[in-house]
Amino acid sequence: MQDNIIGKRLKQLRESVKQSQVKIAALLGTTQSAINRYENGHSDVPNATLLWFADYYDVSLDYIFGRCDEPQGKLFDYQPKAFENDERMQEFIEMCFDPSSAANAKLKEAVLKLLKEQKQ
């Protein structure tokens, strides 16, 4: 069996949107008793079901698993190392936008500006 933090978080999330176990079960295509077993830690929650809960409540799996107390998760503000190398990122952005399109040129400039601001 899983640590009951998952069940507690699922129950807190459900109650935060004022939904019954019956309603969540219907949305998920399962039974109220299955939701009850998940929330009380009597059954493991299948991975696909955990993903459904994360999407439905718009929270991270880190939050559901109790790895953090912020619903957006531990890695929400993650910034890939690609942002550290200006030249490679500039090349990548150049490849992403069609140079013959005026709209794409403006979008490209906006993205490059955002990257520069983020580095400061």
PDB file of N, CA and C in Angstrom:
ATOM      1  N   MET A   1       0.831  -1.198   0.000  1.00  0.00           N
ATOM      2  CA  MET A   1       0.000   0.000   0.000  1.00  0.00           C
ATOM      3  C   MET A   1       0.873   1.259   0.000  1.00  0.00           C
ATOM      4  N   GLN A   2       0.369   2.311  -0.578  1.00  0.00           N
ATOM      5  CA  GLN A   2       1.089   3.580  -0.622  1.00  0.00           C
ATOM      6  C   GLN A   2       0.986   4.303   0.715  1.00  0.00           C
ATOM      7  N   ASP A   3       1.864   5.263   0.874  1.00  0.00           N
ATOM      8  CA  ASP A   3       1.775   6.136   2.041  1.00  0.00           C
ATOM      9  C   ASP A   3       0.434   6.874   1.952  1.00  0.00           C
ATOM     10  N   ASN A   4      -0.228   7.059   3.069  1.00  0.00           N
ATOM     11  CA  ASN A   4      -1.564   7.655   3.051  1.00  0.00           C
ATOM     12  C   ASN A   4      -1.562   9.142   2.698  1.00  0.00           C
ATOM     13  N   ILE A   5      -0.387   9.760   2.511  1.00  0.00           N
ATOM     14  CA  ILE A   5      -0.370  11.173   2.108  1.00  0.00           C
ATOM     15  C   ILE A   5      -1.117  11.359   0.794  1.00  0.00           C
ATOM     16  N   ILE A   6      -1.017  10.385  -0.103  1.00  0.00           N
ATOM     17  CA  ILE A   6      -1.718  10.489  -1.390  1.00  0.00           C
ATOM     18  C   ILE A   6      -3.222  10.546  -1.153  1.00  0.00           C
ATOM     19  N   GLY A   7      -3.721   9.648  -0.332  1.00  0.00           N
ATOM     20  CA  GLY A   7      -5.157   9.640  -0.030  1.00  0.00           C
ATOM     21  C   GLY A   7      -5.608  10.928   0.627  1.00  0.00           C
ATOM     22  N   LYS A   8      -4.798  11.418   1.559  1.00  0.00           N
ATOM     23  CA  LYS A   8      -5.143  12.676   2.230  1.00  0.00           C
ATOM     24  C   LYS A   8      -5.189  13.830   1.244  1.00  0.00           C
ATOM     25  N   ARG A   9      -4.202  13.887   0.356  1.00  0.00           N
ATOM     26  CA  ARG A   9      -4.186  14.978  -0.627  1.00  0.00           C
ATOM     27  C   ARG A   9      -5.381  14.867  -1.573  1.00  0.00           C
ATOM     28  N   LEU A  10      -5.693  13.652  -2.022  1.00  0.00           N
ATOM     29  CA  LEU A  10      -6.832  13.491  -2.929  1.00  0.00           C
ATOM     30  C   LEU A  10      -8.132  13.927  -2.244  1.00  0.00           C
ATOM     31  N   LYS A  11      -8.262  13.589  -0.978  1.00  0.00           N
ATOM     32  CA  LYS A  11      -9.466  13.994  -0.240  1.00  0.00           C
ATOM     33  C   LYS A  11      -9.512  15.513  -0.071  1.00  0.00           C
ATOM     34  N   GLN A  12      -8.377  16.119   0.286  1.00  0.00           N
ATOM     35  CA  GLN A  12      -8.328  17.580   0.444  1.00  0.00           C
ATOM     36  C   GLN A  12      -8.673  18.276  -0.870  1.00  0.00           C
ATOM     37  N   LEU A  13      -8.131  17.769  -1.958  1.00  0.00           N
ATOM     38  CA  LEU A  13      -8.412  18.379  -3.260  1.00  0.00           C
ATOM     39  C   LEU A  13      -9.897  18.255  -3.603  1.00  0.00           C
ATOM     40  N   ARG A  14     -10.447  17.076  -3.395  1.00  0.00           N
ATOM     41  CA  ARG A  14     -11.874  16.869  -3.693  1.00  0.00           C
ATOM     42  C   ARG A  14     -12.739  17.794  -2.850  1.00  0.00           C
ATOM     43  N   GLU A  15     -12.436  17.859  -1.558  1.00  0.00           N
ATOM     44  CA  GLU A  15     -13.233  18.709  -0.672  1.00  0.00           C
ATOM     45  C   GLU A  15     -13.048  20.186  -0.975  1.00  0.00           C
ATOM     46  N   SER A  16     -11.872  20.558  -1.486  1.00  0.00           N
ATOM     47  CA  SER A  16     -11.629  21.974  -1.793  1.00  0.00           C
ATOM     48  C   SER A  16     -12.512  22.479  -2.929  1.00  0.00           C
ATOM     49  N   VAL A  17     -12.968  21.571  -3.775  1.00  0.00           N
ATOM     50  CA  VAL A  17     -13.875  21.968  -4.857  1.00  0.00           C
ATOM     51  C   VAL A  17     -15.309  21.531  -4.574  1.00  0.00           C
ATOM     52  N   LYS A  18     -15.532  21.108  -3.312  1.00  0.00           N
ATOM     53  CA  LYS A  18     -16.869  20.757  -2.832  1.00  0.00           C
ATOM     54  C   LYS A  18     -17.544  19.699  -3.717  1.00  0.00           C
ATOM     55  N   GLN A  19     -16.782  18.633  -4.003  1.00  0.00           N
ATOM     56  CA  GLN A  19     -17.311  17.533  -4.802  1.00  0.00           C
ATOM     57  C   GLN A  19     -17.435  16.297  -3.920  1.00  0.00           C
ATOM     58  N   SER A  20     -18.433  15.498  -4.187  1.00  0.00           N
ATOM     59  CA  SER A  20     -18.615  14.249  -3.450  1.00  0.00           C
ATOM     60  C   SER A  20     -17.772  13.148  -4.094  1.00  0.00           C
ATOM     61  N   GLN A  21     -17.545  12.099  -3.350  1.00  0.00           N
ATOM     62  CA  GLN A  21     -16.863  10.935  -3.911  1.00  0.00           C
ATOM     63  C   GLN A  21     -17.653  10.379  -5.087  1.00  0.00           C
ATOM     64  N   VAL A  22     -18.960  10.415  -4.993  1.00  0.00           N
ATOM     65  CA  VAL A  22     -19.828   9.908  -6.062  1.00  0.00           C
ATOM     66  C   VAL A  22     -19.595  10.709  -7.352  1.00  0.00           C
ATOM     67  N   LYS A  23     -19.540  12.023  -7.235  1.00  0.00           N
ATOM     68  CA  LYS A  23     -19.345  12.891  -8.408  1.00  0.00           C
ATOM     69  C   LYS A  23     -17.978  12.638  -9.049  1.00  0.00           C
ATOM     70  N   ILE A  24     -16.925  12.566  -8.223  1.00  0.00           N
ATOM     71  CA  ILE A  24     -15.579  12.317  -8.751  1.00  0.00           C
ATOM     72  C   ILE A  24     -15.524  10.939  -9.408  1.00  0.00           C
ATOM     73  N   ALA A  25     -16.133   9.955  -8.776  1.00  0.00           N
ATOM     74  CA  ALA A  25     -16.161   8.604  -9.345  1.00  0.00           C
ATOM     75  C   ALA A  25     -16.829   8.603 -10.719  1.00  0.00           C
ATOM     76  N   ALA A  26     -17.939   9.333 -10.837  1.00  0.00           N
ATOM     77  CA  ALA A  26     -18.651   9.397 -12.120  1.00  0.00           C
ATOM     78  C   ALA A  26     -17.774  10.055 -13.190  1.00  0.00           C
ATOM     79  N   LEU A  27     -17.089  11.136 -12.822  1.00  0.00           N
ATOM     80  CA  LEU A  27     -16.211  11.814 -13.777  1.00  0.00           C
ATOM     81  C   LEU A  27     -15.048  10.920 -14.203  1.00  0.00           C
ATOM     82  N   LEU A  28     -14.556  10.146 -13.262  1.00  0.00           N
ATOM     83  CA  LEU A  28     -13.402   9.287 -13.506  1.00  0.00           C
ATOM     84  C   LEU A  28     -13.787   7.958 -14.149  1.00  0.00           C
ATOM     85  N   GLY A  29     -15.062   7.608 -14.056  1.00  0.00           N
ATOM     86  CA  GLY A  29     -15.525   6.340 -14.629  1.00  0.00           C
ATOM     87  C   GLY A  29     -15.232   5.156 -13.716  1.00  0.00           C
ATOM     88  N   THR A  30     -15.343   5.390 -12.426  1.00  0.00           N
ATOM     89  CA  THR A  30     -15.110   4.333 -11.451  1.00  0.00           C
ATOM     90  C   THR A  30     -16.239   4.370 -10.422  1.00  0.00           C
ATOM     91  N   THR A  31     -16.033   3.733  -9.301  1.00  0.00           N
ATOM     92  CA  THR A  31     -17.077   3.685  -8.272  1.00  0.00           C
ATOM     93  C   THR A  31     -16.721   4.571  -7.082  1.00  0.00           C
ATOM     94  N   GLN A  32     -17.735   4.925  -6.323  1.00  0.00           N
ATOM     95  CA  GLN A  32     -17.518   5.706  -5.107  1.00  0.00           C
ATOM     96  C   GLN A  32     -16.659   4.930  -4.132  1.00  0.00           C
ATOM     97  N   SER A  33     -16.835   3.629  -4.073  1.00  0.00           N
ATOM     98  CA  SER A  33     -16.048   2.826  -3.131  1.00  0.00           C
ATOM     99  C   SER A  33     -14.565   2.823  -3.512  1.00  0.00           C
ATOM    100  N   ALA A  34     -14.255   2.883  -4.799  1.00  0.00           N
ATOM    101  CA  ALA A  34     -12.850   2.961  -5.221  1.00  0.00           C
ATOM    102  C   ALA A  34     -12.240   4.279  -4.755  1.00  0.00           C
ATOM    103  N   ILE A  35     -12.968   5.378  -4.922  1.00  0.00           N
ATOM    104  CA  ILE A  35     -12.484   6.690  -4.467  1.00  0.00           C
ATOM    105  C   ILE A  35     -12.277   6.659  -2.958  1.00  0.00           C
ATOM    106  N   ASN A  36     -13.206   6.060  -2.236  1.00  0.00           N
ATOM    107  CA  ASN A  36     -13.089   5.945  -0.788  1.00  0.00           C
ATOM    108  C   ASN A  36     -11.834   5.145  -0.400  1.00  0.00           C
ATOM    109  N   ARG A  37     -11.591   4.046  -1.095  1.00  0.00           N
ATOM    110  CA  ARG A  37     -10.397   3.231  -0.806  1.00  0.00           C
ATOM    111  C   ARG A  37      -9.118   4.014  -1.085  1.00  0.00           C
ATOM    112  N   TYR A  38      -9.086   4.807  -2.169  1.00  0.00           N
ATOM    113  CA  TYR A  38      -7.900   5.629  -2.474  1.00  0.00           C
ATOM    114  C   TYR A  38      -7.664   6.649  -1.365  1.00  0.00           C
ATOM    115  N   GLU A  39      -8.739   7.341  -0.991  1.00  0.00           N
ATOM    116  CA  GLU A  39      -8.613   8.410   0.000  1.00  0.00           C
ATOM    117  C   GLU A  39      -8.229   7.888   1.382  1.00  0.00           C
ATOM    118  N   ASN A  40      -8.622   6.675   1.701  1.00  0.00           N
ATOM    119  CA  ASN A  40      -8.308   6.109   3.012  1.00  0.00           C
ATOM    120  C   ASN A  40      -7.053   5.246   3.004  1.00  0.00           C
ATOM    121  N   GLY A  41      -6.377   5.167   1.854  1.00  0.00           N
ATOM    122  CA  GLY A  41      -5.133   4.415   1.764  1.00  0.00           C
ATOM    123  C   GLY A  41      -5.310   2.909   1.777  1.00  0.00           C
ATOM    124  N   HIS A  42      -6.505   2.428   1.480  1.00  0.00           N
ATOM    125  CA  HIS A  42      -6.761   0.995   1.471  1.00  0.00           C
ATOM    126  C   HIS A  42      -6.458   0.362   0.118  1.00  0.00           C
ATOM    127  N   SER A  43      -6.290   1.186  -0.929  1.00  0.00           N
ATOM    128  CA  SER A  43      -5.951   0.703  -2.272  1.00  0.00           C
ATOM    129  C   SER A  43      -4.936   1.639  -2.894  1.00  0.00           C
ATOM    130  N   ASP A  44      -4.033   1.058  -3.657  1.00  0.00           N
ATOM    131  CA  ASP A  44      -3.106   1.882  -4.430  1.00  0.00           C
ATOM    132  C   ASP A  44      -3.867   2.557  -5.560  1.00  0.00           C
ATOM    133  N   VAL A  45      -3.500   3.772  -5.849  1.00  0.00           N
ATOM    134  CA  VAL A  45      -4.139   4.515  -6.936  1.00  0.00           C
ATOM    135  C   VAL A  45      -3.349   4.219  -8.210  1.00  0.00           C
ATOM    136  N   PRO A  46      -4.010   3.718  -9.257  1.00  0.00           N
ATOM    137  CA  PRO A  46      -3.298   3.444 -10.509  1.00  0.00           C
ATOM    138  C   PRO A  46      -2.671   4.718 -11.079  1.00  0.00           C
ATOM    139  N   ASN A  47      -1.555   4.554 -11.778  1.00  0.00           N
ATOM    140  CA  ASN A  47      -0.848   5.706 -12.342  1.00  0.00           C
ATOM    141  C   ASN A  47      -1.736   6.565 -13.233  1.00  0.00           C
ATOM    142  N   ALA A  48      -2.511   5.935 -14.092  1.00  0.00           N
ATOM    143  CA  ALA A  48      -3.385   6.694 -14.994  1.00  0.00           C
ATOM    144  C   ALA A  48      -4.399   7.513 -14.190  1.00  0.00           C
ATOM    145  N   THR A  49      -4.848   6.977 -13.073  1.00  0.00           N
ATOM    146  CA  THR A  49      -5.798   7.686 -12.221  1.00  0.00           C
ATOM    147  C   THR A  49      -5.124   8.860 -11.523  1.00  0.00           C
ATOM    148  N   LEU A  50      -3.890   8.662 -11.070  1.00  0.00           N
ATOM    149  CA  LEU A  50      -3.135   9.773 -10.464  1.00  0.00           C
ATOM    150  C   LEU A  50      -2.959  10.903 -11.465  1.00  0.00           C
ATOM    151  N   LEU A  51      -2.653  10.565 -12.705  1.00  0.00           N
ATOM    152  CA  LEU A  51      -2.520  11.603 -13.745  1.00  0.00           C
ATOM    153  C   LEU A  51      -3.844  12.319 -13.966  1.00  0.00           C
ATOM    154  N   TRP A  52      -4.931  11.568 -13.954  1.00  0.00           N
ATOM    155  CA  TRP A  52      -6.245  12.183 -14.126  1.00  0.00           C
ATOM    156  C   TRP A  52      -6.505  13.185 -13.013  1.00  0.00           C
ATOM    157  N   PHE A  53      -6.235  12.769 -11.760  1.00  0.00           N
ATOM    158  CA  PHE A  53      -6.438  13.679 -10.625  1.00  0.00           C
ATOM    159  C   PHE A  53      -5.574  14.935 -10.777  1.00  0.00           C
ATOM    160  N   ALA A  54      -4.313  14.776 -11.150  1.00  0.00           N
ATOM    161  CA  ALA A  54      -3.420  15.930 -11.307  1.00  0.00           C
ATOM    162  C   ALA A  54      -3.963  16.884 -12.364  1.00  0.00           C
ATOM    163  N   ASP A  55      -4.428  16.333 -13.472  1.00  0.00           N
ATOM    164  CA  ASP A  55      -4.991  17.182 -14.530  1.00  0.00           C
ATOM    165  C   ASP A  55      -6.307  17.819 -14.089  1.00  0.00           C
ATOM    166  N   TYR A  56      -7.163  17.046 -13.464  1.00  0.00           N
ATOM    167  CA  TYR A  56      -8.473  17.550 -13.064  1.00  0.00           C
ATOM    168  C   TYR A  56      -8.354  18.691 -12.058  1.00  0.00           C
ATOM    169  N   TYR A  57      -7.474  18.527 -11.065  1.00  0.00           N
ATOM    170  CA  TYR A  57      -7.313  19.551 -10.034  1.00  0.00           C
ATOM    171  C   TYR A  57      -6.249  20.583 -10.400  1.00  0.00           C
ATOM    172  N   ASP A  58      -5.577  20.390 -11.524  1.00  0.00           N
ATOM    173  CA  ASP A  58      -4.523  21.291 -11.989  1.00  0.00           C
ATOM    174  C   ASP A  58      -3.422  21.454 -10.935  1.00  0.00           C
ATOM    175  N   VAL A  59      -2.929  20.305 -10.470  1.00  0.00           N
ATOM    176  CA  VAL A  59      -1.824  20.277  -9.512  1.00  0.00           C
ATOM    177  C   VAL A  59      -0.759  19.324 -10.044  1.00  0.00           C
ATOM    178  N   SER A  60       0.412  19.376  -9.437  1.00  0.00           N
ATOM    179  CA  SER A  60       1.483  18.478  -9.859  1.00  0.00           C
ATOM    180  C   SER A  60       1.382  17.147  -9.114  1.00  0.00           C
ATOM    181  N   LEU A  61       2.024  16.145  -9.690  1.00  0.00           N
ATOM    182  CA  LEU A  61       2.112  14.866  -8.995  1.00  0.00           C
ATOM    183  C   LEU A  61       2.993  14.995  -7.758  1.00  0.00           C
ATOM    184  N   ASP A  62       3.976  15.911  -7.785  1.00  0.00           N
ATOM    185  CA  ASP A  62       4.778  16.178  -6.592  1.00  0.00           C
ATOM    186  C   ASP A  62       3.863  16.526  -5.422  1.00  0.00           C
ATOM    187  N   TYR A  63       2.881  17.351  -5.688  1.00  0.00           N
ATOM    188  CA  TYR A  63       1.941  17.761  -4.629  1.00  0.00           C
ATOM    189  C   TYR A  63       1.121  16.561  -4.148  1.00  0.00           C
ATOM    190  N   ILE A  64       0.572  15.801  -5.074  1.00  0.00           N
ATOM    191  CA  ILE A  64      -0.246  14.647  -4.700  1.00  0.00           C
ATOM    192  C   ILE A  64       0.570  13.638  -3.887  1.00  0.00           C
ATOM    193  N   PHE A  65       1.837  13.448  -4.264  1.00  0.00           N
ATOM    194  CA  PHE A  65       2.695  12.490  -3.566  1.00  0.00           C
ATOM    195  C   PHE A  65       3.261  13.041  -2.256  1.00  0.00           C
ATOM    196  N   GLY A  66       2.978  14.305  -1.962  1.00  0.00           N
ATOM    197  CA  GLY A  66       3.451  14.895  -0.721  1.00  0.00           C
ATOM    198  C   GLY A  66       4.912  15.286  -0.755  1.00  0.00           C
ATOM    199  N   ARG A  67       5.481  15.424  -1.956  1.00  0.00           N
ATOM    200  CA  ARG A  67       6.885  15.827  -2.084  1.00  0.00           C
ATOM    201  C   ARG A  67       7.062  17.316  -1.858  1.00  0.00           C
ATOM    202  N   CYS A  68       5.963  18.057  -1.921  1.00  0.00           N
ATOM    203  CA  CYS A  68       5.997  19.494  -1.678  1.00  0.00           C
ATOM    204  C   CYS A  68       4.619  19.929  -1.215  1.00  0.00           C
ATOM    205  N   ASP A  69       4.539  21.141  -0.716  1.00  0.00           N
ATOM    206  CA  ASP A  69       3.252  21.663  -0.260  1.00  0.00           C
ATOM    207  C   ASP A  69       2.681  22.706  -1.210  1.00  0.00           C
ATOM    208  N   GLU A  70       3.355  22.930  -2.335  1.00  0.00           N
ATOM    209  CA  GLU A  70       2.868  23.875  -3.336  1.00  0.00           C
ATOM    210  C   GLU A  70       2.179  23.082  -4.450  1.00  0.00           C
ATOM    211  N   PRO A  71       0.929  23.376  -4.745  1.00  0.00           N
ATOM    212  CA  PRO A  71       0.207  22.606  -5.767  1.00  0.00           C
ATOM    213  C   PRO A  71       0.886  22.580  -7.134  1.00  0.00           C
ATOM    214  N   GLN A  72       1.667  23.614  -7.450  1.00  0.00           N
ATOM    215  CA  GLN A  72       2.306  23.626  -8.758  1.00  0.00           C
ATOM    216  C   GLN A  72       3.513  22.699  -8.825  1.00  0.00           C
ATOM    217  N   GLY A  73       4.035  22.251  -7.698  1.00  0.00           N
ATOM    218  CA  GLY A  73       5.117  21.277  -7.701  1.00  0.00           C
ATOM    219  C   GLY A  73       6.489  21.867  -7.493  1.00  0.00           C
ATOM    220  N   LYS A  74       7.460  20.973  -7.296  1.00  0.00           N
ATOM    221  CA  LYS A  74       8.829  21.375  -7.021  1.00  0.00           C
ATOM    222  C   LYS A  74       9.516  21.984  -8.233  1.00  0.00           C
ATOM    223  N   LEU A  75       9.194  21.485  -9.414  1.00  0.00           N
ATOM    224  CA  LEU A  75       9.935  21.890 -10.604  1.00  0.00           C
ATOM    225  C   LEU A  75       9.205  22.936 -11.438  1.00  0.00           C
ATOM    226  N   PHE A  76       8.202  23.555 -10.879  1.00  0.00           N
ATOM    227  CA  PHE A  76       7.389  24.507 -11.629  1.00  0.00           C
ATOM    228  C   PHE A  76       8.222  25.639 -12.230  1.00  0.00           C
ATOM    229  N   ASP A  77       9.193  26.143 -11.485  1.00  0.00           N
ATOM    230  CA  ASP A  77      10.025  27.238 -11.973  1.00  0.00           C
ATOM    231  C   ASP A  77      11.328  26.756 -12.593  1.00  0.00           C
ATOM    232  N   TYR A  78      11.382  25.499 -12.975  1.00  0.00           N
ATOM    233  CA  TYR A  78      12.582  24.922 -13.563  1.00  0.00           C
ATOM    234  C   TYR A  78      12.956  25.682 -14.828  1.00  0.00           C
ATOM    235  N   GLN A  79      14.231  25.989 -14.942  1.00  0.00           N
ATOM    236  CA  GLN A  79      14.712  26.671 -16.136  1.00  0.00           C
ATOM    237  C   GLN A  79      15.810  25.819 -16.751  1.00  0.00           C
ATOM    238  N   PRO A  80      15.571  25.276 -17.923  1.00  0.00           N
ATOM    239  CA  PRO A  80      16.560  24.405 -18.557  1.00  0.00           C
ATOM    240  C   PRO A  80      17.890  25.107 -18.778  1.00  0.00           C
ATOM    241  N   LYS A  81      18.956  24.330 -18.825  1.00  0.00           N
ATOM    242  CA  LYS A  81      20.291  24.879 -19.019  1.00  0.00           C
ATOM    243  C   LYS A  81      20.435  25.564 -20.378  1.00  0.00           C
ATOM    244  N   ALA A  82      19.551  25.268 -21.299  1.00  0.00           N
ATOM    245  CA  ALA A  82      19.624  25.903 -22.620  1.00  0.00           C
ATOM    246  C   ALA A  82      19.568  27.416 -22.510  1.00  0.00           C
ATOM    247  N   PHE A  83      18.911  27.931 -21.484  1.00  0.00           N
ATOM    248  CA  PHE A  83      18.811  29.376 -21.305  1.00  0.00           C
ATOM    249  C   PHE A  83      20.144  29.992 -20.891  1.00  0.00           C
ATOM    250  N   GLU A  84      21.070  29.158 -20.446  1.00  0.00           N
ATOM    251  CA  GLU A  84      22.360  29.668 -20.010  1.00  0.00           C
ATOM    252  C   GLU A  84      23.291  29.972 -21.181  1.00  0.00           C
ATOM    253  N   ASN A  85      23.046  29.381 -22.333  1.00  0.00           N
ATOM    254  CA  ASN A  85      23.913  29.557 -23.483  1.00  0.00           C
ATOM    255  C   ASN A  85      23.203  30.437 -24.510  1.00  0.00           C
ATOM    256  N   ASP A  86      23.500  31.728 -24.478  1.00  0.00           N
ATOM    257  CA  ASP A  86      22.803  32.691 -25.342  1.00  0.00           C
ATOM    258  C   ASP A  86      22.897  32.343 -26.820  1.00  0.00           C
ATOM    259  N   GLU A  87      24.070  31.970 -27.262  1.00  0.00           N
ATOM    260  CA  GLU A  87      24.286  31.730 -28.690  1.00  0.00           C
ATOM    261  C   GLU A  87      23.451  30.543 -29.195  1.00  0.00           C
ATOM    262  N   ARG A  88      23.469  29.443 -28.472  1.00  0.00           N
ATOM    263  CA  ARG A  88      22.708  28.260 -28.899  1.00  0.00           C
ATOM    264  C   ARG A  88      21.205  28.525 -28.830  1.00  0.00           C
ATOM    265  N   MET A  89      20.777  29.246 -27.810  1.00  0.00           N
ATOM    266  CA  MET A  89      19.357  29.551 -27.687  1.00  0.00           C
ATOM    267  C   MET A  89      18.925  30.492 -28.800  1.00  0.00           C
ATOM    268  N   GLN A  90      19.756  31.452 -29.115  1.00  0.00           N
ATOM    269  CA  GLN A  90      19.457  32.377 -30.218  1.00  0.00           C
ATOM    270  C   GLN A  90      19.302  31.594 -31.524  1.00  0.00           C
ATOM    271  N   GLU A  91      20.212  30.653 -31.786  1.00  0.00           N
ATOM    272  CA  GLU A  91      20.119  29.831 -32.996  1.00  0.00           C
ATOM    273  C   GLU A  91      18.826  29.030 -33.020  1.00  0.00           C
ATOM    274  N   PHE A  92      18.476  28.470 -31.884  1.00  0.00           N
ATOM    275  CA  PHE A  92      17.251  27.686 -31.790  1.00  0.00           C
ATOM    276  C   PHE A  92      16.028  28.550 -32.095  1.00  0.00           C
ATOM    277  N   ILE A  93      15.982  29.721 -31.510  1.00  0.00           N
ATOM    278  CA  ILE A  93      14.846  30.616 -31.725  1.00  0.00           C
ATOM    279  C   ILE A  93      14.779  31.047 -33.187  1.00  0.00           C
ATOM    280  N   GLU A  94      15.925  31.312 -33.797  1.00  0.00           N
ATOM    281  CA  GLU A  94      15.958  31.688 -35.213  1.00  0.00           C
ATOM    282  C   GLU A  94      15.336  30.580 -36.068  1.00  0.00           C
ATOM    283  N   MET A  95      15.595  29.330 -35.717  1.00  0.00           N
ATOM    284  CA  MET A  95      15.065  28.198 -36.484  1.00  0.00           C
ATOM    285  C   MET A  95      13.557  28.050 -36.303  1.00  0.00           C
ATOM    286  N   CYS A  96      13.027  28.497 -35.201  1.00  0.00           N
ATOM    287  CA  CYS A  96      11.610  28.288 -34.881  1.00  0.00           C
ATOM    288  C   CYS A  96      10.659  29.231 -35.613  1.00  0.00           C
ATOM    289  N   PHE A  97      11.177  30.322 -36.140  1.00  0.00           N
ATOM    290  CA  PHE A  97      10.305  31.325 -36.729  1.00  0.00           C
ATOM    291  C   PHE A  97      10.632  31.519 -38.205  1.00  0.00           C
ATOM    292  N   ASP A  98       9.597  31.590 -39.016  1.00  0.00           N
ATOM    293  CA  ASP A  98       9.730  31.811 -40.458  1.00  0.00           C
ATOM    294  C   ASP A  98      10.162  33.252 -40.693  1.00  0.00           C
ATOM    295  N   PRO A  99      11.353  33.459 -41.274  1.00  0.00           N
ATOM    296  CA  PRO A  99      11.843  34.831 -41.459  1.00  0.00           C
ATOM    297  C   PRO A  99      11.032  35.654 -42.452  1.00  0.00           C
ATOM    298  N   SER A 100      10.238  35.002 -43.298  1.00  0.00           N
ATOM    299  CA  SER A 100       9.466  35.757 -44.287  1.00  0.00           C
ATOM    300  C   SER A 100       8.141  36.277 -43.729  1.00  0.00           C
ATOM    301  N   SER A 101       7.818  35.934 -42.500  1.00  0.00           N
ATOM    302  CA  SER A 101       6.553  36.352 -41.900  1.00  0.00           C
ATOM    303  C   SER A 101       6.784  37.506 -40.927  1.00  0.00           C
ATOM    304  N   ALA A 102       6.070  38.602 -41.155  1.00  0.00           N
ATOM    305  CA  ALA A 102       6.203  39.763 -40.268  1.00  0.00           C
ATOM    306  C   ALA A 102       5.738  39.428 -38.848  1.00  0.00           C
ATOM    307  N   ALA A 103       4.669  38.659 -38.733  1.00  0.00           N
ATOM    308  CA  ALA A 103       4.166  38.277 -37.412  1.00  0.00           C
ATOM    309  C   ALA A 103       5.194  37.415 -36.681  1.00  0.00           C
ATOM    310  N   ASN A 104       5.803  36.486 -37.382  1.00  0.00           N
ATOM    311  CA  ASN A 104       6.813  35.633 -36.756  1.00  0.00           C
ATOM    312  C   ASN A 104       8.034  36.444 -36.342  1.00  0.00           C
ATOM    313  N   ALA A 105       8.383  37.449 -37.113  1.00  0.00           N
ATOM    314  CA  ALA A 105       9.520  38.301 -36.754  1.00  0.00           C
ATOM    315  C   ALA A 105       9.244  39.016 -35.433  1.00  0.00           C
ATOM    316  N   LYS A 106       8.029  39.512 -35.267  1.00  0.00           N
ATOM    317  CA  LYS A 106       7.666  40.185 -34.021  1.00  0.00           C
ATOM    318  C   LYS A 106       7.658  39.210 -32.852  1.00  0.00           C
ATOM    319  N   LEU A 107       7.138  38.010 -33.073  1.00  0.00           N
ATOM    320  CA  LEU A 107       7.133  36.994 -32.018  1.00  0.00           C
ATOM    321  C   LEU A 107       8.561  36.623 -31.624  1.00  0.00           C
ATOM    322  N   LYS A 108       9.417  36.456 -32.619  1.00  0.00           N
ATOM    323  CA  LYS A 108      10.811  36.109 -32.353  1.00  0.00           C
ATOM    324  C   LYS A 108      11.478  37.194 -31.522  1.00  0.00           C
ATOM    325  N   GLU A 109      11.256  38.453 -31.880  1.00  0.00           N
ATOM    326  CA  GLU A 109      11.831  39.564 -31.122  1.00  0.00           C
ATOM    327  C   GLU A 109      11.329  39.557 -29.675  1.00  0.00           C
ATOM    328  N   ALA A 110      10.060  39.266 -29.489  1.00  0.00           N
ATOM    329  CA  ALA A 110       9.484  39.229 -28.144  1.00  0.00           C
ATOM    330  C   ALA A 110      10.110  38.108 -27.313  1.00  0.00           C
ATOM    331  N   VAL A 111      10.299  36.945 -27.916  1.00  0.00           N
ATOM    332  CA  VAL A 111      10.908  35.823 -27.198  1.00  0.00           C
ATOM    333  C   VAL A 111      12.347  36.157 -26.824  1.00  0.00           C
ATOM    334  N   LEU A 112      13.094  36.724 -27.751  1.00  0.00           N
ATOM    335  CA  LEU A 112      14.485  37.082 -27.470  1.00  0.00           C
ATOM    336  C   LEU A 112      14.560  38.139 -26.367  1.00  0.00           C
ATOM    337  N   LYS A 113      13.649  39.094 -26.403  1.00  0.00           N
ATOM    338  CA  LYS A 113      13.609  40.126 -25.369  1.00  0.00           C
ATOM    339  C   LYS A 113      13.333  39.508 -23.995  1.00  0.00           C
ATOM    340  N   LEU A 114      12.374  38.580 -23.946  1.00  0.00           N
ATOM    341  CA  LEU A 114      12.049  37.896 -22.689  1.00  0.00           C
ATOM    342  C   LEU A 114      13.264  37.130 -22.145  1.00  0.00           C
ATOM    343  N   LEU A 115      13.982  36.474 -23.025  1.00  0.00           N
ATOM    344  CA  LEU A 115      15.176  35.725 -22.602  1.00  0.00           C
ATOM    345  C   LEU A 115      16.225  36.670 -22.014  1.00  0.00           C
ATOM    346  N   LYS A 116      16.425  37.801 -22.661  1.00  0.00           N
ATOM    347  CA  LYS A 116      17.406  38.772 -22.155  1.00  0.00           C
ATOM    348  C   LYS A 116      16.986  39.305 -20.785  1.00  0.00           C
ATOM    349  N   GLU A 117      15.714  39.608 -20.627  1.00  0.00           N
ATOM    350  CA  GLU A 117      15.202  40.108 -19.349  1.00  0.00           C
ATOM    351  C   GLU A 117      15.331  39.065 -18.252  1.00  0.00           C
ATOM    352  N   GLN A 118      15.156  37.809 -18.608  1.00  0.00           N
ATOM    353  CA  GLN A 118      15.221  36.742 -17.636  1.00  0.00           C
ATOM    354  C   GLN A 118      16.654  36.551 -17.134  1.00  0.00           C
ATOM    355  N   LYS A 119      17.622  36.823 -17.955  1.00  0.00           N
ATOM    356  CA  LYS A 119      19.028  36.659 -17.579  1.00  0.00           C
ATOM    357  C   LYS A 119      19.485  37.759 -16.635  1.00  0.00           C
ATOM    358  N   GLN A 120      18.792  38.883 -16.630  1.00  0.00           N
ATOM    359  CA  GLN A 120      19.226  40.028 -15.822  1.00  0.00           C
ATOM    360  C   GLN A 120      18.821  39.917 -14.400  1.00  0.00           C
TER     361      GLN A 120
END
